[in-house]
Amino acid sequence: MFRPTGFADLAGRRVGIFGYGVEGHAAARRLEGVAQSLVLVDDAPGIDPGVLASAEGGLDALLTCDVVLKSPGIPRRRADVLDLEFRGVAVASALNLWLHDVDRSRVVGITGTKGKSTTTALVSFFLHCVGERALRLGNIGQPPYDPSVDTSQDWLVLEVSSFQCVDVDVAPGMVVVTSLGADHLDWHGTVEEYRDDKLSLTRAWGEHVTLVPANATFHGVADQLGGELTFVEPDATHLAASLGLMGAHSNSNVALALRCVAMLTGRDVEIVRERVRERASTFEPLRGRLTLVASEERQGALLRYVDDGLATSVLPTVAALEVFADDPVALIAGGYDRGVDYIPLALALANRVPATVLLTMGDAGTRIGEDLHQLRPDLVQLAVATMHDAVLVARRSLAAGGVVLLSPAAPSFDRYRNWEERSDDFVAVVRAIVGPQSLGGDSNS
């Protein structure tokens, strides 16, 4: 079967694009003037002209193609994808073709269950601090193969999702894995397959360095890691706090970014750290990562509203609860249920000592609440229909002060287009309820 190893291999061929979202649009632009013809297919094509619905002739049209570029959101093991290959149609990804084409020694691929977005931002910022030019690409920026992006020079810092890892057979020159939990089981199938798919980026072909945290989780999967492996201890210099990052996990993310930049540029880690500390106040943390939206004083008690909307899986929500281990918390959680195990989150809630209230939304919220009830039936929880209701109830429940924390542990697709829209809703509701007089600075992770 024909297997492309770069975009040039698609010249004069009939190419299908399966999944016409952000990545699909970028791939179509990249192939203009290259492919003989394009077949555009999506499960829910919307209003895009010329895009076929997969269930209404789209899959048959893909069978007429020489190659199909699959969007990351379409599971690699889905029956219709496997059927394409069974019938002789090569299935590839645009990201993999780009990695074959680019100078991989300039590419840093960053993945992980949590922390990959923050670490991508940190690596880019640290490179700038030492006088190097860098582009943030992938989930945190633009698809690197979009023709509007010039990747012919500079460092290329690429956030890679677990969806993308499984379609990549050639490694970036530097691979960083920030953490390893369980996520996207509706896509990957099992926890074991998720972890194997995530770590497959480290095992891809080509000479590369792999950086992982020095903790029990990664030592336990060392036999599944590829590349020139380095275990990195957490930073102990409080640099994370200087950068406005909260939580112990931020020390690990900072350490990985420091080591990454030191190895890329041939500098000593201490020199990189010193340059970063000099410019730490200019770092702009990602919104939706433990962002302090507002605070208010009510009858002498301080109440803080924190947006951790980027926490769409269990691990980051557990980490957020650890940040506020000594504070009363009203947690707003739930959303689209993709079948992950919520017991670790229920245990984290059940073991909390300060006052804790759980406000649940969506099918995932229902499961989180059920798991928690089995462990702590006395812990107050309430299902809410809207973000407005969630914030109001959370505010009333913390009369003695504390933290109203949006950290969903689930995707937003049941009622929002994406995590940004859900976070925006939270921020808008908080501002409407609290008022502008108590809105202030950010504290992020």
Protein backbone atom coordinates (compact mmCIF):
# COMPACT_ATOMS: atom_id res chain seq x y z
CA MET A 1 0.00 0.00 0.00
CA PHE A 2 1.25 3.52 -0.85
CA ARG A 3 2.43 5.37 2.29
CA PRO A 4 3.23 9.09 1.98
CA THR A 5 6.24 10.41 3.87
CA GLY A 6 5.72 14.10 3.17
CA PHE A 7 3.32 16.45 1.44
CA ALA A 8 5.24 16.18 -1.83
CA ASP A 9 4.16 12.54 -2.04
CA LEU A 10 0.57 13.74 -2.47
CA ALA A 11 1.33 15.64 -5.66
CA GLY A 12 -1.10 14.70 -8.42
CA ARG A 13 -3.08 12.36 -6.16
CA ARG A 14 -6.70 12.28 -5.06
CA VAL A 15 -6.64 13.08 -1.34
CA GLY A 16 -9.43 12.80 1.19
CA ILE A 17 -9.63 14.96 4.31
CA PHE A 18 -11.66 13.18 6.97
CA GLY A 19 -12.70 15.69 9.63
CA TYR A 20 -13.04 19.28 8.45
CA GLY A 21 -12.35 21.32 11.55
CA VAL A 22 -9.34 23.56 12.24
CA GLU A 23 -6.83 20.89 11.21
CA GLY A 24 -8.84 19.86 8.16
CA HIS A 25 -9.07 23.42 6.89
CA ALA A 26 -5.31 23.88 7.38
CA ALA A 27 -4.56 20.63 5.53
CA ALA A 28 -6.80 21.68 2.62
CA ARG A 29 -4.96 24.99 2.33
CA ARG A 30 -1.62 23.16 2.43
CA LEU A 31 -2.68 20.89 -0.44
CA GLU A 32 -3.93 23.64 -2.76
CA GLY A 33 -1.99 23.28 -6.00
CA VAL A 34 -0.43 20.02 -4.80
CA ALA A 35 -3.16 17.37 -4.82
CA GLN A 36 -4.97 16.55 -8.03
CA SER A 37 -8.28 16.75 -6.19
CA LEU A 38 -9.63 16.90 -2.63
CA VAL A 39 -12.54 15.02 -1.07
CA LEU A 40 -13.79 16.76 2.08
CA VAL A 41 -15.74 14.65 4.60
CA ASP A 42 -16.96 15.31 8.13
CA ASP A 43 -19.30 13.54 10.52
CA ALA A 44 -21.23 16.81 10.95
CA PRO A 45 -20.29 19.02 7.99
CA GLY A 46 -22.32 22.07 8.94
CA ILE A 47 -22.51 24.84 6.33
CA ASP A 48 -19.12 24.37 4.64
CA PRO A 49 -19.81 24.03 0.90
CA GLY A 50 -18.57 20.88 -0.76
CA VAL A 51 -18.16 18.91 2.47
CA LEU A 52 -19.85 15.51 2.49
CA ALA A 53 -21.42 13.93 5.55
CA SER A 54 -19.63 10.69 6.41
CA ALA A 55 -22.94 8.85 6.84
CA GLU A 56 -24.39 10.25 3.60
CA GLY A 57 -21.94 9.21 0.93
CA GLY A 58 -18.80 10.65 2.46
CA LEU A 59 -17.24 7.32 3.38
CA ASP A 60 -17.90 5.97 -0.12
CA ALA A 61 -16.18 9.04 -1.55
CA LEU A 62 -13.14 8.48 0.67
CA LEU A 63 -12.80 4.99 -0.80
CA THR A 64 -12.05 6.61 -4.17
CA CYS A 65 -8.98 8.40 -2.74
CA ASP A 66 -5.32 7.43 -2.87
CA VAL A 67 -4.71 8.82 0.63
CA VAL A 68 -6.96 10.05 3.45
CA LEU A 69 -5.66 12.59 5.95
CA LYS A 70 -7.55 11.92 9.17
CA SER A 71 -8.37 14.66 11.66
CA PRO A 72 -7.04 14.00 15.19
CA GLY A 73 -10.59 14.00 16.56
CA ILE A 74 -11.55 10.86 14.65
CA PRO A 75 -10.40 7.77 16.57
CA ARG A 76 -7.65 5.79 14.86
CA ARG A 77 -9.37 2.50 15.70
CA ARG A 78 -12.85 3.54 14.55
CA ALA A 79 -14.43 0.93 12.33
CA ASP A 80 -14.79 3.18 9.29
CA VAL A 81 -11.12 4.26 9.51
CA LEU A 82 -9.97 0.65 9.75
CA ASP A 83 -12.22 -0.24 6.81
CA LEU A 84 -10.54 2.39 4.63
CA GLU A 85 -7.15 0.79 5.20
CA PHE A 86 -8.56 -2.72 4.79
CA ARG A 87 -9.77 -1.66 1.34
CA GLY A 88 -6.39 -0.29 0.34
CA VAL A 89 -6.69 3.43 1.13
CA ALA A 90 -3.70 4.79 3.05
CA VAL A 91 -4.71 6.75 6.17
CA ALA A 92 -2.24 9.37 7.37
CA SER A 93 -2.15 12.61 9.34
CA ALA A 94 -1.11 16.05 8.19
CA LEU A 95 1.03 16.47 11.31
CA ASN A 96 3.00 13.33 10.52
CA LEU A 97 3.61 14.48 6.94
CA TRP A 98 4.83 17.83 8.25
CA LEU A 99 7.22 16.13 10.70
CA HIS A 100 8.70 14.16 7.81
CA ASP A 101 9.25 17.41 5.87
CA VAL A 102 10.59 19.71 8.61
CA ASP A 103 14.01 19.90 10.23
CA ARG A 104 13.06 17.85 13.28
CA SER A 105 16.07 19.03 15.28
CA ARG A 106 14.26 22.37 15.66
CA VAL A 107 11.00 20.79 16.87
CA VAL A 108 9.99 20.26 20.51
CA GLY A 109 6.94 18.01 20.87
CA ILE A 110 5.16 18.41 24.22
CA THR A 111 2.43 16.05 25.39
CA GLY A 112 0.92 14.87 28.69
CA THR A 113 -2.39 14.31 30.43
CA LYS A 114 -2.09 17.69 32.12
CA GLY A 115 0.42 20.50 31.87
CA LYS A 116 1.21 20.28 28.15
CA SER A 117 -0.32 23.67 27.30
CA THR A 118 1.42 25.44 30.18
CA THR A 119 4.73 23.72 29.44
CA THR A 120 4.47 24.66 25.76
CA ALA A 121 4.02 28.27 26.82
CA LEU A 122 6.93 28.00 29.28
CA VAL A 123 9.37 26.52 26.76
CA SER A 124 8.53 29.25 24.24
CA PHE A 125 8.91 31.98 26.87
CA PHE A 126 12.17 30.56 28.24
CA LEU A 127 13.63 30.44 24.72
CA HIS A 128 12.74 34.10 24.26
CA CYS A 129 14.36 34.89 27.62
CA VAL A 130 17.71 33.56 26.40
CA GLY A 131 17.49 35.46 23.13
CA GLU A 132 16.15 32.66 20.91
CA ARG A 133 13.19 32.90 18.52
CA ALA A 134 10.38 30.38 18.91
CA LEU A 135 6.91 29.67 17.57
CA ARG A 136 4.13 28.09 19.65
CA LEU A 137 2.24 25.62 17.49
CA GLY A 138 -0.28 22.80 17.67
CA ASN A 139 -3.15 22.78 20.16
CA ILE A 140 -1.90 25.99 21.75
CA GLY A 141 -1.47 27.81 18.43
CA GLN A 142 -1.86 27.09 14.73
CA PRO A 143 -1.42 23.78 12.94
CA PRO A 144 2.24 23.84 11.86
CA TYR A 145 1.40 22.74 8.31
CA ASP A 146 -0.90 25.70 7.67
CA PRO A 147 0.74 27.57 4.74
CA SER A 148 0.30 30.86 6.62
CA VAL A 149 2.85 29.66 9.21
CA ASP A 150 6.55 29.97 8.35
CA THR A 151 8.31 27.00 9.96
CA SER A 152 11.48 27.31 7.87
CA GLN A 153 13.45 28.76 10.80
CA ASP A 154 13.40 29.30 14.58
CA TRP A 155 12.53 26.79 17.30
CA LEU A 156 9.15 25.15 16.79
CA VAL A 157 7.39 24.34 20.09
CA LEU A 158 4.53 21.98 19.37
CA GLU A 159 1.77 20.87 21.73
CA VAL A 160 0.72 17.33 20.76
CA SER A 161 -2.49 15.69 21.96
CA SER A 162 -2.91 11.98 22.59
CA PHE A 163 -5.14 11.94 19.48
CA GLN A 164 -2.18 13.14 17.41
CA CYS A 165 0.50 10.98 19.04
CA VAL A 166 -0.96 7.75 17.72
CA ASP A 167 -0.76 8.98 14.09
CA VAL A 168 2.90 10.07 14.31
CA ASP A 169 5.66 7.67 13.22
CA VAL A 170 8.59 10.12 13.25
CA ALA A 171 9.67 11.92 16.40
CA PRO A 172 10.45 15.59 17.04
CA GLY A 173 14.07 16.19 18.02
CA MET A 174 12.96 16.79 21.61
CA VAL A 175 9.95 15.08 23.22
CA VAL A 176 8.60 16.25 26.59
CA VAL A 177 5.93 14.30 28.48
CA THR A 178 4.54 16.32 31.40
CA SER A 179 2.26 13.82 33.16
CA LEU A 180 0.45 10.54 32.65
CA GLY A 181 -3.08 9.81 33.85
CA ALA A 182 -6.26 8.60 32.15
CA ASP A 183 -8.20 10.60 29.59
CA HIS A 184 -10.19 10.36 26.34
CA LEU A 185 -11.14 6.73 26.95
CA ASP A 186 -14.04 7.08 24.49
CA TRP A 187 -11.35 7.69 21.83
CA HIS A 188 -8.55 5.36 22.97
CA GLY A 189 -10.62 2.51 24.42
CA THR A 190 -8.83 1.68 27.67
CA VAL A 191 -6.45 3.32 30.14
CA GLU A 192 -3.67 1.04 28.90
CA GLU A 193 -4.27 2.00 25.27
CA TYR A 194 -4.45 5.70 26.19
CA ARG A 195 -1.08 5.54 27.95
CA ASP A 196 0.48 3.49 25.17
CA ASP A 197 -0.83 5.93 22.55
CA LYS A 198 0.38 8.94 24.53
CA LEU A 199 3.86 7.49 25.05
CA SER A 200 4.12 6.31 21.44
CA LEU A 201 5.45 9.78 20.56
CA THR A 202 8.58 8.94 22.57
CA ARG A 203 9.01 5.69 20.66
CA ALA A 204 8.63 7.14 17.17
CA TRP A 205 11.46 6.70 14.66
CA GLY A 206 14.36 9.11 14.58
CA GLU A 207 17.09 10.28 16.93
CA HIS A 208 15.58 12.33 19.77
CA VAL A 209 15.77 13.22 23.45
CA THR A 210 12.87 12.41 25.79
CA LEU A 211 12.31 14.39 29.00
CA VAL A 212 9.89 13.15 31.68
CA PRO A 213 9.30 14.00 35.36
CA ALA A 214 11.32 12.01 37.90
CA ASN A 215 8.38 10.44 39.69
CA ALA A 216 7.05 6.96 40.40
CA THR A 217 4.59 7.04 37.49
CA PHE A 218 7.26 7.55 34.84
CA HIS A 219 9.80 5.26 36.45
CA GLY A 220 7.06 2.63 36.36
CA VAL A 221 6.59 2.97 32.59
CA ALA A 222 10.27 3.37 31.69
CA ASP A 223 10.08 0.29 29.47
CA GLN A 224 7.44 2.06 27.32
CA LEU A 225 9.56 5.19 26.79
CA GLY A 226 11.82 5.72 23.81
CA GLY A 227 14.51 8.19 22.84
CA GLU A 228 17.51 9.31 24.87
CA LEU A 229 15.69 9.32 28.21
CA THR A 230 16.20 11.89 30.97
CA PHE A 231 14.25 12.02 34.24
CA VAL A 232 13.88 15.60 35.52
CA GLU A 233 13.46 16.51 39.20
CA PRO A 234 10.98 19.30 40.11
CA ASP A 235 12.33 22.84 40.37
CA ALA A 236 12.93 23.81 44.00
CA THR A 237 13.75 27.50 43.55
CA HIS A 238 10.18 28.94 43.61
CA LEU A 239 10.55 30.08 40.01
CA ALA A 240 6.98 28.88 39.32
CA ALA A 241 5.61 31.36 41.85
CA SER A 242 7.63 34.17 40.24
CA LEU A 243 5.96 33.26 36.94
CA GLY A 244 2.49 33.45 38.54
CA LEU A 245 1.95 29.68 38.53
CA MET A 246 0.17 27.84 41.33
CA GLY A 247 0.43 24.27 42.56
CA ALA A 248 3.24 21.76 43.12
CA HIS A 249 2.80 20.37 39.60
CA SER A 250 3.97 23.74 38.26
CA ASN A 251 7.43 23.07 39.74
CA SER A 252 7.67 19.99 37.53
CA ASN A 253 6.50 21.86 34.42
CA VAL A 254 9.04 24.63 35.06
CA ALA A 255 11.85 22.10 35.56
CA LEU A 256 11.03 20.31 32.31
CA ALA A 257 10.99 23.62 30.42
CA LEU A 258 14.31 24.71 31.96
CA ARG A 259 16.02 21.43 31.06
CA CYS A 260 14.52 21.45 27.59
CA VAL A 261 15.76 24.97 26.79
CA ALA A 262 19.18 24.30 28.33
CA MET A 263 19.65 21.19 26.18
CA LEU A 264 18.36 22.85 23.01
CA THR A 265 20.63 25.89 23.32
CA GLY A 266 23.70 24.34 24.98
CA ARG A 267 23.36 26.58 28.04
CA ASP A 268 23.64 25.64 31.69
CA VAL A 269 20.28 25.23 33.45
CA GLU A 270 21.27 27.84 36.04
CA ILE A 271 21.96 30.41 33.31
CA VAL A 272 18.54 29.75 31.77
CA ARG A 273 16.88 30.01 35.19
CA GLU A 274 18.62 33.34 35.88
CA ARG A 275 17.50 34.82 32.54
CA VAL A 276 13.93 33.62 33.12
CA ARG A 277 13.81 35.07 36.63
CA GLU A 278 14.89 38.46 35.27
CA ARG A 279 11.83 38.52 32.97
CA ALA A 280 9.39 36.43 35.00
CA SER A 281 6.97 39.32 35.56
CA THR A 282 6.37 39.55 31.80
CA PHE A 283 5.20 35.94 31.44
CA GLU A 284 1.51 35.68 30.54
CA PRO A 285 0.09 32.42 31.91
CA LEU A 286 -2.67 30.69 29.99
CA ARG A 287 -6.20 31.66 30.83
CA GLY A 288 -8.31 28.85 32.22
CA ARG A 289 -5.41 27.47 34.26
CA LEU A 290 -6.18 28.40 37.88
CA THR A 291 -6.92 32.00 36.85
CA LEU A 292 -8.14 34.27 39.63
CA VAL A 293 -11.20 35.90 38.03
CA ALA A 294 -12.41 37.94 41.01
CA SER A 295 -12.41 38.15 44.77
CA GLU A 296 -14.81 39.74 47.21
CA GLU A 297 -15.04 40.30 50.94
CA ARG A 298 -18.34 39.35 52.50
CA GLN A 299 -18.86 40.01 56.22
CA GLY A 300 -15.13 39.92 56.76
CA ALA A 301 -14.60 36.68 54.79
CA LEU A 302 -12.60 36.53 51.55
CA LEU A 303 -14.18 34.66 48.66
CA ARG A 304 -12.13 33.95 45.52
CA TYR A 305 -13.44 32.87 42.11
CA VAL A 306 -10.97 30.72 40.16
CA ASP A 307 -11.27 29.59 36.53
CA ASP A 308 -9.57 26.25 35.86
CA GLY A 309 -11.69 25.57 32.78
CA LEU A 310 -8.80 23.98 30.88
CA ALA A 311 -9.02 21.08 33.34
CA THR A 312 -11.06 18.77 31.12
CA SER A 313 -9.83 15.54 32.72
CA VAL A 314 -9.51 14.13 36.22
CA LEU A 315 -5.80 14.67 36.86
CA PRO A 316 -5.72 18.48 36.58
CA THR A 317 -8.84 18.83 38.72
CA VAL A 318 -7.26 16.71 41.45
CA ALA A 319 -4.17 18.92 41.16
CA ALA A 320 -6.33 22.05 41.50
CA LEU A 321 -7.91 20.69 44.68
CA GLU A 322 -4.41 20.12 46.07
CA VAL A 323 -3.57 23.78 45.44
CA PHE A 324 -6.49 24.76 47.69
CA ALA A 325 -6.01 21.94 50.20
CA ASP A 326 -6.40 24.30 53.17
CA ASP A 327 -9.33 26.35 51.83
CA PRO A 328 -13.07 25.72 51.83
CA VAL A 329 -13.98 24.95 48.21
CA ALA A 330 -17.16 24.90 46.15
CA LEU A 331 -16.20 22.87 43.08
CA ILE A 332 -18.13 23.22 39.83
CA ALA A 333 -17.47 20.04 37.84
CA GLY A 334 -18.88 17.88 35.09
CA GLY A 335 -19.84 18.14 31.43
CA TYR A 336 -19.65 15.66 28.60
CA ASP A 337 -19.12 12.08 29.78
CA ARG A 338 -16.38 10.32 27.82
CA GLY A 339 -16.21 7.27 30.06
CA VAL A 340 -13.17 7.98 32.23
CA ASP A 341 -12.78 6.73 35.79
CA TYR A 342 -13.90 9.43 38.24
CA ILE A 343 -13.01 7.51 41.40
CA PRO A 344 -9.66 9.37 41.80
CA LEU A 345 -11.54 12.68 41.82
CA ALA A 346 -14.18 11.33 44.21
CA LEU A 347 -11.41 10.15 46.54
CA ALA A 348 -9.72 13.56 46.40
CA LEU A 349 -13.00 15.24 47.35
CA ALA A 350 -13.85 12.68 50.02
CA ASN A 351 -10.47 13.09 51.71
CA ARG A 352 -10.64 16.86 51.97
CA VAL A 353 -10.73 18.29 55.52
CA PRO A 354 -11.98 21.86 54.88
CA ALA A 355 -15.63 22.43 54.00
CA THR A 356 -16.34 21.20 50.47
CA VAL A 357 -19.39 21.51 48.23
CA LEU A 358 -19.79 19.86 44.83
CA LEU A 359 -21.92 21.45 42.10
CA THR A 360 -22.37 19.05 39.18
CA MET A 361 -23.30 19.64 35.55
CA GLY A 362 -24.04 17.22 32.71
CA ASP A 363 -23.70 13.45 32.51
CA ALA A 364 -20.10 13.50 33.74
CA GLY A 365 -21.23 15.53 36.76
CA THR A 366 -23.84 12.90 37.52
CA ARG A 367 -21.19 10.16 37.58
CA ILE A 368 -18.81 12.25 39.68
CA GLY A 369 -21.61 12.86 42.18
CA GLU A 370 -22.56 9.18 42.31
CA ASP A 371 -18.96 8.10 42.93
CA LEU A 372 -18.57 10.71 45.65
CA HIS A 373 -21.82 9.72 47.35
CA GLN A 374 -20.55 6.16 47.72
CA LEU A 375 -17.50 7.47 49.60
CA ARG A 376 -18.87 10.51 51.44
CA PRO A 377 -22.67 10.59 51.53
CA ASP A 378 -22.47 13.49 54.00
CA LEU A 379 -20.60 15.80 51.61
CA VAL A 380 -22.97 18.40 50.17
CA GLN A 381 -23.57 18.16 46.45
CA LEU A 382 -26.18 19.53 44.08
CA ALA A 383 -26.86 19.12 40.38
CA VAL A 384 -27.29 22.46 38.62
CA ALA A 385 -28.70 23.24 35.19
CA THR A 386 -26.74 26.39 34.30
CA MET A 387 -23.46 28.10 35.09
CA HIS A 388 -25.42 30.95 36.65
CA ASP A 389 -27.09 28.54 39.08
CA ALA A 390 -23.73 26.90 39.82
CA VAL A 391 -22.01 30.17 40.75
CA LEU A 392 -24.95 31.41 42.80
CA VAL A 393 -25.18 28.20 44.84
CA ALA A 394 -21.39 28.03 45.26
CA ARG A 395 -21.30 31.62 46.52
CA ARG A 396 -24.07 31.03 49.05
CA SER A 397 -22.41 27.84 50.30
CA LEU A 398 -19.18 29.63 51.29
CA ALA A 399 -20.48 32.12 53.82
CA ALA A 400 -17.21 31.87 55.78
CA GLY A 401 -15.08 32.46 52.66
CA GLY A 402 -13.11 30.14 50.43
CA VAL A 403 -12.76 29.36 46.73
CA VAL A 404 -15.41 28.98 44.05
CA LEU A 405 -13.52 26.72 41.66
CA LEU A 406 -14.52 25.89 38.10
CA SER A 407 -12.43 22.78 37.36
CA PRO A 408 -14.74 20.54 35.32
CA ALA A 409 -12.71 17.31 34.93
CA ALA A 410 -14.72 16.74 31.75
CA PRO A 411 -15.06 18.21 28.24
CA SER A 412 -17.61 20.91 27.52
CA PHE A 413 -19.18 19.50 24.38
CA ASP A 414 -22.54 18.69 25.99
CA ARG A 415 -23.52 22.39 26.10
CA TYR A 416 -20.56 24.49 24.95
CA ARG A 417 -18.52 24.55 21.73
CA ASN A 418 -15.23 24.32 23.62
CA TRP A 419 -13.60 24.90 27.00
CA GLU A 420 -13.09 28.60 26.21
CA GLU A 421 -16.82 29.18 25.84
CA ARG A 422 -17.47 27.44 29.18
CA SER A 423 -14.78 29.50 30.91
CA ASP A 424 -16.14 32.67 29.32
CA ASP A 425 -19.58 31.82 30.70
CA PHE A 426 -18.12 31.33 34.18
CA VAL A 427 -16.25 34.64 34.03
CA ALA A 428 -19.31 36.51 32.73
CA VAL A 429 -21.54 35.09 35.47
CA VAL A 430 -18.99 35.91 38.18
CA ARG A 431 -18.64 39.48 36.94
CA ALA A 432 -22.40 39.89 36.76
CA ILE A 433 -22.86 38.62 40.32
CA VAL A 434 -19.78 40.02 42.03
CA GLY A 435 -19.51 43.30 40.15
CA PRO A 436 -16.44 45.11 38.79
CA GLN A 437 -15.27 46.52 42.10
CA SER A 438 -13.58 43.28 43.16
CA LEU A 439 -12.12 42.12 39.87
CA GLY A 440 -8.36 41.93 39.93
CA GLY A 441 -5.13 40.33 38.86
CA ASP A 442 -4.47 36.82 37.72
CA SER A 443 -2.85 33.82 39.32
CA ASN A 444 -2.47 30.97 36.93
CA SER A 445 -1.08 27.52 36.34
